[in-house]
Amino acid sequence: MKYFFHFFSLLLLLVAASACGAARPLANTADSTRVEVRTERVFIHDTAYVELPVIVEKIQTLDTASTLENQFAKSEAIVTAGILQHSLETKPAQLPVPVEKEIVYRDSIIFKDRVVKEEVEVEKPLTFWQQLKMRVGVAAMILTALYGAYLLLKFFLKKYQITK
């Protein structure tokens, strides 16, 4: 009961000091960068065409007449005066060849988290009452610290009975 008044007044000063402060949220100052790479592989089934060259060959022999033809070449054999003339001509054509082509799409996304600091002007200055509350809050904190130091000093002096 003896220390009830001291405890109550210390508690009252702490409440007064905490109620008069300006609250400001803490800003996250750490910048972070995260890179995400996405890779997608696509196979395209396509057809390529191979160009065949034009080739002409001729042979003469003593034989009968003949003619051969396919999609790429034509062959003719003719007998004139007992001599066989044979010619082979390839036709200009394109040969389709199936081709599988791989296309790789790579996409990089960079995520950056930044704290942007802006200066914002206040519309009007603080009122007298607001300034007074802030100054009283500072004074209350100083008084609380001094009063707490006084109580601790008084407690230790009494406990160890340091006298003059």
N, C-alpha and C. Protein backbone atom coordinates (compact mmCIF):
# COMPACT_ATOMS: atom_id res chain seq x y z
N MET A 1 0.83 -1.19 0.00
CA MET A 1 0.00 0.00 0.00
C MET A 1 0.87 1.25 0.00
N LYS A 2 2.05 1.09 0.56
CA LYS A 2 2.95 2.22 0.66
C LYS A 2 3.40 2.69 -0.72
N TYR A 3 3.62 1.73 -1.63
CA TYR A 3 4.10 2.07 -2.96
C TYR A 3 2.96 2.21 -3.97
N PHE A 4 1.73 2.11 -3.53
CA PHE A 4 0.59 2.19 -4.44
C PHE A 4 0.56 3.55 -5.15
N PHE A 5 0.78 4.62 -4.41
CA PHE A 5 0.77 5.96 -5.02
C PHE A 5 1.89 6.09 -6.06
N HIS A 6 3.06 5.59 -5.73
CA HIS A 6 4.18 5.67 -6.68
C HIS A 6 3.90 4.83 -7.94
N PHE A 7 3.38 3.64 -7.72
CA PHE A 7 3.06 2.76 -8.85
C PHE A 7 1.98 3.38 -9.73
N PHE A 8 0.93 3.93 -9.10
CA PHE A 8 -0.18 4.52 -9.84
C PHE A 8 0.30 5.75 -10.62
N SER A 9 1.10 6.58 -10.03
CA SER A 9 1.57 7.78 -10.74
C SER A 9 2.54 7.40 -11.87
N LEU A 10 3.35 6.38 -11.68
CA LEU A 10 4.22 5.92 -12.76
C LEU A 10 3.40 5.37 -13.91
N LEU A 11 2.37 4.61 -13.60
CA LEU A 11 1.48 4.06 -14.62
C LEU A 11 0.76 5.18 -15.36
N LEU A 12 0.30 6.19 -14.64
CA LEU A 12 -0.39 7.32 -15.25
C LEU A 12 0.55 8.10 -16.19
N LEU A 13 1.79 8.27 -15.78
CA LEU A 13 2.75 8.95 -16.64
C LEU A 13 3.06 8.13 -17.90
N LEU A 14 3.15 6.82 -17.77
CA LEU A 14 3.38 5.96 -18.94
C LEU A 14 2.21 6.03 -19.91
N VAL A 15 0.99 6.04 -19.40
CA VAL A 15 -0.18 6.14 -20.27
C VAL A 15 -0.20 7.49 -20.97
N ALA A 16 0.11 8.55 -20.24
CA ALA A 16 0.13 9.88 -20.85
C ALA A 16 1.21 9.99 -21.91
N ALA A 17 2.35 9.37 -21.68
CA ALA A 17 3.44 9.43 -22.66
C ALA A 17 3.11 8.64 -23.91
N SER A 18 2.45 7.53 -23.77
CA SER A 18 2.16 6.72 -24.94
C SER A 18 0.99 7.27 -25.74
N ALA A 19 0.12 8.02 -25.13
CA ALA A 19 -1.05 8.54 -25.83
C ALA A 19 -0.74 9.78 -26.63
N CYS A 20 0.36 10.44 -26.39
CA CYS A 20 0.65 11.72 -27.04
C CYS A 20 1.63 11.59 -28.20
N GLY A 21 1.99 10.42 -28.58
CA GLY A 21 2.97 10.25 -29.65
C GLY A 21 2.30 10.25 -31.01
N ALA A 22 3.03 10.61 -32.03
CA ALA A 22 2.54 10.56 -33.41
C ALA A 22 2.82 9.16 -33.95
N ALA A 23 1.80 8.52 -34.46
CA ALA A 23 1.95 7.16 -34.98
C ALA A 23 2.36 7.21 -36.45
N ARG A 24 3.45 6.55 -36.77
CA ARG A 24 3.92 6.46 -38.16
C ARG A 24 4.21 5.00 -38.45
N PRO A 25 3.65 4.48 -39.50
CA PRO A 25 3.96 3.08 -39.83
C PRO A 25 5.39 2.96 -40.36
N LEU A 26 6.02 1.86 -40.04
CA LEU A 26 7.38 1.61 -40.52
C LEU A 26 7.31 1.17 -41.97
N ALA A 27 8.15 1.72 -42.78
CA ALA A 27 8.19 1.37 -44.20
C ALA A 27 9.18 0.25 -44.41
N ASN A 28 8.85 -0.63 -45.33
CA ASN A 28 9.76 -1.70 -45.70
C ASN A 28 10.80 -1.13 -46.65
N THR A 29 12.05 -1.10 -46.23
CA THR A 29 13.09 -0.48 -47.05
C THR A 29 13.85 -1.49 -47.90
N ALA A 30 13.54 -2.76 -47.78
CA ALA A 30 14.28 -3.76 -48.55
C ALA A 30 13.71 -3.88 -49.96
N ASP A 31 14.58 -3.79 -50.95
CA ASP A 31 14.19 -4.02 -52.33
C ASP A 31 14.45 -5.48 -52.66
N SER A 32 13.51 -6.07 -53.36
CA SER A 32 13.72 -7.46 -53.72
C SER A 32 13.46 -7.62 -55.22
N THR A 33 14.23 -8.49 -55.83
CA THR A 33 14.09 -8.77 -57.25
C THR A 33 13.96 -10.28 -57.43
N ARG A 34 12.97 -10.65 -58.21
CA ARG A 34 12.74 -12.07 -58.48
C ARG A 34 12.55 -12.22 -59.98
N VAL A 35 13.29 -13.16 -60.57
CA VAL A 35 13.20 -13.40 -62.01
C VAL A 35 12.57 -14.77 -62.23
N GLU A 36 11.55 -14.79 -63.05
CA GLU A 36 10.88 -16.04 -63.36
C GLU A 36 11.05 -16.30 -64.86
N VAL A 37 11.61 -17.46 -65.21
CA VAL A 37 11.85 -17.81 -66.60
C VAL A 37 10.92 -18.95 -66.97
N ARG A 38 10.17 -18.73 -68.03
CA ARG A 38 9.25 -19.76 -68.52
C ARG A 38 9.75 -20.22 -69.89
N THR A 39 9.87 -21.53 -70.05
CA THR A 39 10.32 -22.11 -71.32
C THR A 39 9.22 -23.03 -71.84
N GLU A 40 8.85 -22.82 -73.10
CA GLU A 40 7.82 -23.65 -73.71
C GLU A 40 8.36 -24.18 -75.03
N ARG A 41 8.29 -25.49 -75.21
CA ARG A 41 8.78 -26.11 -76.44
C ARG A 41 7.58 -26.55 -77.27
N VAL A 42 7.58 -26.13 -78.54
CA VAL A 42 6.50 -26.46 -79.45
C VAL A 42 7.11 -27.16 -80.66
N PHE A 43 6.55 -28.30 -81.02
CA PHE A 43 7.00 -29.03 -82.20
C PHE A 43 6.00 -28.80 -83.32
N ILE A 44 6.49 -28.28 -84.45
CA ILE A 44 5.63 -28.01 -85.59
C ILE A 44 5.94 -29.05 -86.66
N HIS A 45 4.91 -29.75 -87.09
CA HIS A 45 5.06 -30.73 -88.16
C HIS A 45 4.85 -30.00 -89.48
N ASP A 46 5.90 -30.01 -90.32
CA ASP A 46 5.87 -29.26 -91.56
C ASP A 46 6.42 -30.15 -92.67
N THR A 47 6.31 -29.67 -93.89
CA THR A 47 6.82 -30.40 -95.04
C THR A 47 7.82 -29.53 -95.76
N ALA A 48 9.01 -30.10 -96.02
CA ALA A 48 10.03 -29.40 -96.79
C ALA A 48 10.09 -30.04 -98.17
N TYR A 49 10.43 -29.23 -99.18
CA TYR A 49 10.50 -29.74 -100.54
C TYR A 49 11.95 -29.73 -101.00
N VAL A 50 12.38 -30.89 -101.56
CA VAL A 50 13.73 -31.03 -102.07
C VAL A 50 13.69 -30.88 -103.59
N GLU A 51 14.48 -29.95 -104.09
CA GLU A 51 14.53 -29.69 -105.52
C GLU A 51 15.40 -30.75 -106.21
N LEU A 52 14.84 -31.42 -107.20
CA LEU A 52 15.60 -32.41 -107.96
C LEU A 52 16.26 -31.73 -109.16
N PRO A 53 17.53 -32.03 -109.42
CA PRO A 53 18.19 -31.39 -110.57
C PRO A 53 17.76 -32.06 -111.89
N VAL A 54 17.84 -31.29 -112.98
CA VAL A 54 17.52 -31.81 -114.31
C VAL A 54 18.77 -32.50 -114.86
N ILE A 55 18.64 -33.82 -115.18
CA ILE A 55 19.78 -34.61 -115.66
C ILE A 55 19.42 -35.19 -117.03
N VAL A 56 20.30 -35.04 -118.02
CA VAL A 56 20.08 -35.58 -119.36
C VAL A 56 21.24 -36.51 -119.70
N GLU A 57 20.91 -37.78 -120.06
CA GLU A 57 21.92 -38.77 -120.46
C GLU A 57 21.47 -39.43 -121.76
N LYS A 58 22.41 -39.71 -122.67
CA LYS A 58 22.09 -40.37 -123.95
C LYS A 58 23.06 -41.51 -124.20
N ILE A 59 22.52 -42.64 -124.70
CA ILE A 59 23.34 -43.82 -125.02
C ILE A 59 22.89 -44.37 -126.38
N GLN A 60 23.82 -44.82 -127.23
CA GLN A 60 23.49 -45.43 -128.52
C GLN A 60 23.94 -46.88 -128.53
N THR A 61 23.03 -47.82 -128.86
CA THR A 61 23.34 -49.25 -128.94
C THR A 61 22.57 -49.89 -130.10
N LEU A 62 22.92 -51.13 -130.50
CA LEU A 62 22.20 -51.89 -131.52
C LEU A 62 21.17 -52.77 -130.84
N ASP A 63 19.92 -52.26 -130.70
CA ASP A 63 18.87 -53.00 -130.00
C ASP A 63 17.52 -52.51 -130.49
N THR A 64 16.40 -52.98 -129.91
CA THR A 64 15.06 -52.56 -130.30
C THR A 64 14.65 -51.29 -129.55
N ALA A 65 13.46 -50.70 -129.88
CA ALA A 65 12.99 -49.45 -129.28
C ALA A 65 12.35 -49.70 -127.90
N SER A 66 12.48 -48.67 -127.00
CA SER A 66 11.86 -48.79 -125.68
C SER A 66 11.59 -47.38 -125.13
N THR A 67 10.56 -47.26 -124.26
CA THR A 67 10.22 -46.00 -123.58
C THR A 67 9.88 -46.31 -122.12
N LEU A 68 10.51 -45.56 -121.19
CA LEU A 68 10.22 -45.68 -119.75
C LEU A 68 9.94 -44.28 -119.18
N GLU A 69 8.99 -44.21 -118.23
CA GLU A 69 8.67 -42.92 -117.63
C GLU A 69 8.14 -43.13 -116.20
N ASN A 70 8.57 -42.28 -115.27
CA ASN A 70 8.01 -42.25 -113.91
C ASN A 70 7.80 -40.79 -113.51
N GLN A 71 7.52 -40.55 -112.24
CA GLN A 71 7.24 -39.16 -111.84
C GLN A 71 8.49 -38.27 -111.83
N PHE A 72 9.67 -38.91 -111.89
CA PHE A 72 10.89 -38.11 -111.84
C PHE A 72 11.65 -38.09 -113.16
N ALA A 73 11.45 -39.10 -114.00
CA ALA A 73 12.26 -39.17 -115.22
C ALA A 73 11.47 -39.79 -116.37
N LYS A 74 11.99 -39.52 -117.58
CA LYS A 74 11.41 -40.09 -118.80
C LYS A 74 12.55 -40.65 -119.65
N SER A 75 12.39 -41.88 -120.10
CA SER A 75 13.44 -42.52 -120.88
C SER A 75 12.84 -42.98 -122.22
N GLU A 76 13.55 -42.64 -123.31
CA GLU A 76 13.10 -43.04 -124.65
C GLU A 76 14.27 -43.72 -125.39
N ALA A 77 13.93 -44.78 -126.08
CA ALA A 77 14.93 -45.48 -126.91
C ALA A 77 14.36 -45.59 -128.32
N ILE A 78 15.14 -45.15 -129.34
CA ILE A 78 14.68 -45.15 -130.73
C ILE A 78 15.78 -45.81 -131.59
N VAL A 79 15.34 -46.69 -132.49
CA VAL A 79 16.28 -47.34 -133.39
C VAL A 79 16.22 -46.60 -134.74
N THR A 80 17.36 -46.08 -135.19
CA THR A 80 17.46 -45.39 -136.47
C THR A 80 18.68 -45.97 -137.21
N ALA A 81 18.38 -46.55 -138.38
CA ALA A 81 19.42 -47.13 -139.24
C ALA A 81 20.21 -48.20 -138.49
N GLY A 82 19.54 -49.00 -137.68
CA GLY A 82 20.18 -50.09 -136.96
C GLY A 82 20.89 -49.66 -135.68
N ILE A 83 20.78 -48.38 -135.32
CA ILE A 83 21.43 -47.89 -134.09
C ILE A 83 20.35 -47.43 -133.12
N LEU A 84 20.45 -47.87 -131.87
CA LEU A 84 19.49 -47.47 -130.82
C LEU A 84 19.97 -46.21 -130.12
N GLN A 85 19.11 -45.18 -130.13
CA GLN A 85 19.40 -43.97 -129.37
C GLN A 85 18.51 -43.97 -128.12
N HIS A 86 19.15 -43.87 -126.97
CA HIS A 86 18.42 -43.92 -125.68
C HIS A 86 18.67 -42.61 -124.94
N SER A 87 17.60 -41.94 -124.50
CA SER A 87 17.76 -40.69 -123.73
C SER A 87 16.98 -40.80 -122.41
N LEU A 88 17.55 -40.23 -121.37
CA LEU A 88 16.92 -40.22 -120.04
C LEU A 88 16.89 -38.77 -119.55
N GLU A 89 15.70 -38.25 -119.28
CA GLU A 89 15.55 -36.88 -118.80
C GLU A 89 14.77 -36.90 -117.49
N THR A 90 15.31 -36.24 -116.51
CA THR A 90 14.55 -36.10 -115.25
C THR A 90 13.63 -34.90 -115.36
N LYS A 91 12.47 -35.01 -114.75
CA LYS A 91 11.50 -33.92 -114.78
C LYS A 91 11.77 -32.97 -113.61
N PRO A 92 11.62 -31.66 -113.82
CA PRO A 92 11.76 -30.76 -112.67
C PRO A 92 10.57 -30.96 -111.73
N ALA A 93 10.87 -31.41 -110.51
CA ALA A 93 9.81 -31.69 -109.52
C ALA A 93 10.35 -31.42 -108.13
N GLN A 94 9.43 -31.28 -107.21
CA GLN A 94 9.80 -31.10 -105.81
C GLN A 94 9.31 -32.31 -105.03
N LEU A 95 10.23 -32.88 -104.27
CA LEU A 95 9.91 -34.06 -103.49
C LEU A 95 9.56 -33.63 -102.06
N PRO A 96 8.35 -33.93 -101.58
CA PRO A 96 8.00 -33.54 -100.21
C PRO A 96 8.65 -34.46 -99.18
N VAL A 97 9.26 -33.83 -98.15
CA VAL A 97 9.90 -34.56 -97.07
C VAL A 97 9.30 -34.05 -95.76
N PRO A 98 8.70 -34.93 -94.93
CA PRO A 98 8.15 -34.45 -93.66
C PRO A 98 9.27 -34.04 -92.70
N VAL A 99 9.09 -32.87 -92.06
CA VAL A 99 10.08 -32.31 -91.16
C VAL A 99 9.39 -31.93 -89.86
N GLU A 100 10.06 -32.23 -88.74
CA GLU A 100 9.53 -31.82 -87.44
C GLU A 100 10.47 -30.75 -86.90
N LYS A 101 9.94 -29.53 -86.74
CA LYS A 101 10.76 -28.40 -86.31
C LYS A 101 10.39 -28.04 -84.87
N GLU A 102 11.43 -27.84 -84.05
CA GLU A 102 11.22 -27.48 -82.65
C GLU A 102 11.40 -25.98 -82.48
N ILE A 103 10.39 -25.34 -81.90
CA ILE A 103 10.46 -23.91 -81.60
C ILE A 103 10.43 -23.78 -80.08
N VAL A 104 11.41 -23.06 -79.53
CA VAL A 104 11.51 -22.85 -78.08
C VAL A 104 11.16 -21.39 -77.78
N TYR A 105 10.13 -21.22 -76.99
CA TYR A 105 9.74 -19.88 -76.55
C TYR A 105 10.27 -19.69 -75.13
N ARG A 106 11.06 -18.65 -74.93
CA ARG A 106 11.57 -18.32 -73.60
C ARG A 106 11.04 -16.95 -73.21
N ASP A 107 10.49 -16.89 -72.02
CA ASP A 107 9.92 -15.65 -71.55
C ASP A 107 10.45 -15.38 -70.15
N SER A 108 11.05 -14.22 -69.94
CA SER A 108 11.57 -13.85 -68.63
C SER A 108 10.73 -12.71 -68.08
N ILE A 109 10.31 -12.89 -66.85
CA ILE A 109 9.55 -11.87 -66.16
C ILE A 109 10.36 -11.46 -64.93
N ILE A 110 10.58 -10.17 -64.80
CA ILE A 110 11.35 -9.66 -63.67
C ILE A 110 10.38 -8.93 -62.74
N PHE A 111 10.33 -9.40 -61.50
CA PHE A 111 9.49 -8.77 -60.49
C PHE A 111 10.39 -7.97 -59.56
N LYS A 112 10.13 -6.69 -59.44
CA LYS A 112 10.89 -5.85 -58.53
C LYS A 112 9.93 -5.19 -57.55
N ASP A 113 10.23 -5.35 -56.28
CA ASP A 113 9.47 -4.69 -55.24
C ASP A 113 10.30 -3.51 -54.76
N ARG A 114 9.75 -2.34 -54.87
CA ARG A 114 10.47 -1.15 -54.46
C ARG A 114 9.61 -0.33 -53.53
N VAL A 115 10.30 0.38 -52.69
CA VAL A 115 9.63 1.35 -51.83
C VAL A 115 9.85 2.72 -52.45
N VAL A 116 8.76 3.34 -52.81
CA VAL A 116 8.85 4.65 -53.43
C VAL A 116 8.58 5.69 -52.35
N LYS A 117 9.55 6.57 -52.17
CA LYS A 117 9.42 7.62 -51.16
C LYS A 117 8.97 8.89 -51.84
N GLU A 118 7.90 9.44 -51.33
CA GLU A 118 7.37 10.68 -51.88
C GLU A 118 7.26 11.70 -50.77
N GLU A 119 7.54 12.93 -51.12
CA GLU A 119 7.33 14.00 -50.17
C GLU A 119 5.94 14.56 -50.41
N VAL A 120 5.18 14.58 -49.35
CA VAL A 120 3.82 15.08 -49.44
C VAL A 120 3.73 16.34 -48.59
N GLU A 121 3.27 17.39 -49.20
CA GLU A 121 3.14 18.64 -48.45
C GLU A 121 1.84 18.61 -47.67
N VAL A 122 1.92 19.13 -46.45
CA VAL A 122 0.76 19.18 -45.58
C VAL A 122 -0.04 20.43 -45.94
N GLU A 123 -1.36 20.28 -45.93
CA GLU A 123 -2.20 21.41 -46.30
C GLU A 123 -2.01 22.60 -45.38
N LYS A 124 -2.00 22.32 -44.07
CA LYS A 124 -1.87 23.41 -43.11
C LYS A 124 -0.98 22.95 -41.97
N PRO A 125 -0.38 23.88 -41.26
CA PRO A 125 0.50 23.50 -40.15
C PRO A 125 -0.31 22.97 -38.97
N LEU A 126 0.41 22.34 -38.03
CA LEU A 126 -0.25 21.80 -36.85
C LEU A 126 -0.86 22.93 -36.02
N THR A 127 -1.98 22.61 -35.39
CA THR A 127 -2.62 23.60 -34.54
C THR A 127 -1.85 23.69 -33.22
N PHE A 128 -2.19 24.71 -32.44
CA PHE A 128 -1.53 24.90 -31.14
C PHE A 128 -1.79 23.69 -30.24
N TRP A 129 -3.00 23.17 -30.27
CA TRP A 129 -3.35 22.04 -29.41
C TRP A 129 -2.55 20.79 -29.79
N GLN A 130 -2.37 20.55 -31.08
CA GLN A 130 -1.59 19.40 -31.53
C GLN A 130 -0.12 19.55 -31.14
N GLN A 131 0.43 20.75 -31.30
CA GLN A 131 1.81 20.98 -30.90
C GLN A 131 1.98 20.82 -29.39
N LEU A 132 0.99 21.29 -28.63
CA LEU A 132 1.05 21.18 -27.18
C LEU A 132 1.03 19.71 -26.75
N LYS A 133 0.17 18.90 -27.39
CA LYS A 133 0.10 17.47 -27.04
C LYS A 133 1.42 16.77 -27.34
N MET A 134 2.05 17.14 -28.43
CA MET A 134 3.33 16.52 -28.75
C MET A 134 4.41 16.91 -27.74
N ARG A 135 4.44 18.20 -27.34
CA ARG A 135 5.44 18.64 -26.38
C ARG A 135 5.18 18.05 -25.00
N VAL A 136 3.91 17.95 -24.60
CA VAL A 136 3.58 17.35 -23.30
C VAL A 136 3.94 15.87 -23.32
N GLY A 137 3.78 15.19 -24.45
CA GLY A 137 4.16 13.79 -24.56
C GLY A 137 5.65 13.60 -24.33
N VAL A 138 6.46 14.46 -24.91
CA VAL A 138 7.92 14.38 -24.72
C VAL A 138 8.27 14.64 -23.26
N ALA A 139 7.62 15.67 -22.68
CA ALA A 139 7.89 15.99 -21.27
C ALA A 139 7.45 14.84 -20.37
N ALA A 140 6.33 14.19 -20.70
CA ALA A 140 5.85 13.07 -19.88
C ALA A 140 6.82 11.90 -19.95
N MET A 141 7.39 11.66 -21.11
CA MET A 141 8.35 10.57 -21.22
C MET A 141 9.60 10.86 -20.39
N ILE A 142 10.07 12.11 -20.42
CA ILE A 142 11.25 12.47 -19.62
C ILE A 142 10.95 12.35 -18.14
N LEU A 143 9.76 12.85 -17.74
CA LEU A 143 9.38 12.76 -16.32
C LEU A 143 9.23 11.31 -15.88
N THR A 144 8.69 10.46 -16.75
CA THR A 144 8.54 9.04 -16.41
C THR A 144 9.90 8.40 -16.20
N ALA A 145 10.83 8.70 -17.08
CA ALA A 145 12.17 8.14 -16.93
C ALA A 145 12.84 8.62 -15.64
N LEU A 146 12.71 9.90 -15.35
CA LEU A 146 13.31 10.43 -14.11
C LEU A 146 12.64 9.85 -12.87
N TYR A 147 11.31 9.73 -12.90
CA TYR A 147 10.58 9.19 -11.75
C TYR A 147 10.93 7.72 -11.54
N GLY A 148 11.05 6.95 -12.65
CA GLY A 148 11.45 5.55 -12.53
C GLY A 148 12.84 5.41 -11.95
N ALA A 149 13.76 6.28 -12.38
CA ALA A 149 15.12 6.25 -11.84
C ALA A 149 15.11 6.61 -10.35
N TYR A 150 14.25 7.57 -9.97
CA TYR A 150 14.12 7.95 -8.56
C TYR A 150 13.63 6.77 -7.72
N LEU A 151 12.61 6.07 -8.21
CA LEU A 151 12.08 4.92 -7.47
C LEU A 151 13.12 3.81 -7.34
N LEU A 152 13.84 3.54 -8.42
CA LEU A 152 14.87 2.49 -8.36
C LEU A 152 15.98 2.88 -7.38
N LEU A 153 16.40 4.11 -7.42
CA LEU A 153 17.44 4.57 -6.51
C LEU A 153 16.96 4.49 -5.05
N LYS A 154 15.72 4.90 -4.82
CA LYS A 154 15.16 4.85 -3.47
C LYS A 154 15.06 3.40 -2.97
N PHE A 155 14.67 2.49 -3.91
CA PHE A 155 14.53 1.08 -3.55
C PHE A 155 15.90 0.48 -3.19
N PHE A 156 16.92 0.75 -4.00
CA PHE A 156 18.24 0.20 -3.73
C PHE A 156 18.87 0.80 -2.47
N LEU A 157 18.64 2.08 -2.25
CA LEU A 157 19.18 2.71 -1.03
C LEU A 157 18.54 2.11 0.22
N LYS A 158 17.24 1.84 0.13
CA LYS A 158 16.53 1.28 1.27
C LYS A 158 16.95 -0.18 1.50
N LYS A 159 17.14 -0.92 0.38
CA LYS A 159 17.46 -2.32 0.49
C LYS A 159 18.86 -2.52 1.06
N TYR A 160 19.80 -1.74 0.61
CA TYR A 160 21.18 -1.91 1.08
C TYR A 160 21.50 -0.96 2.24
N GLN A 161 20.53 -0.15 2.59
CA GLN A 161 20.62 0.77 3.75
C GLN A 161 21.94 1.54 3.76
N ILE A 162 22.13 2.20 2.67
CA ILE A 162 23.31 3.04 2.57
C ILE A 162 22.95 4.37 3.25
N THR A 163 23.66 4.64 4.28
CA THR A 163 23.40 5.88 5.03
C THR A 163 24.66 6.71 5.07
N LYS A 164 24.49 7.93 5.44
CA LYS A 164 25.62 8.84 5.52
C LYS A 164 26.35 8.70 6.80
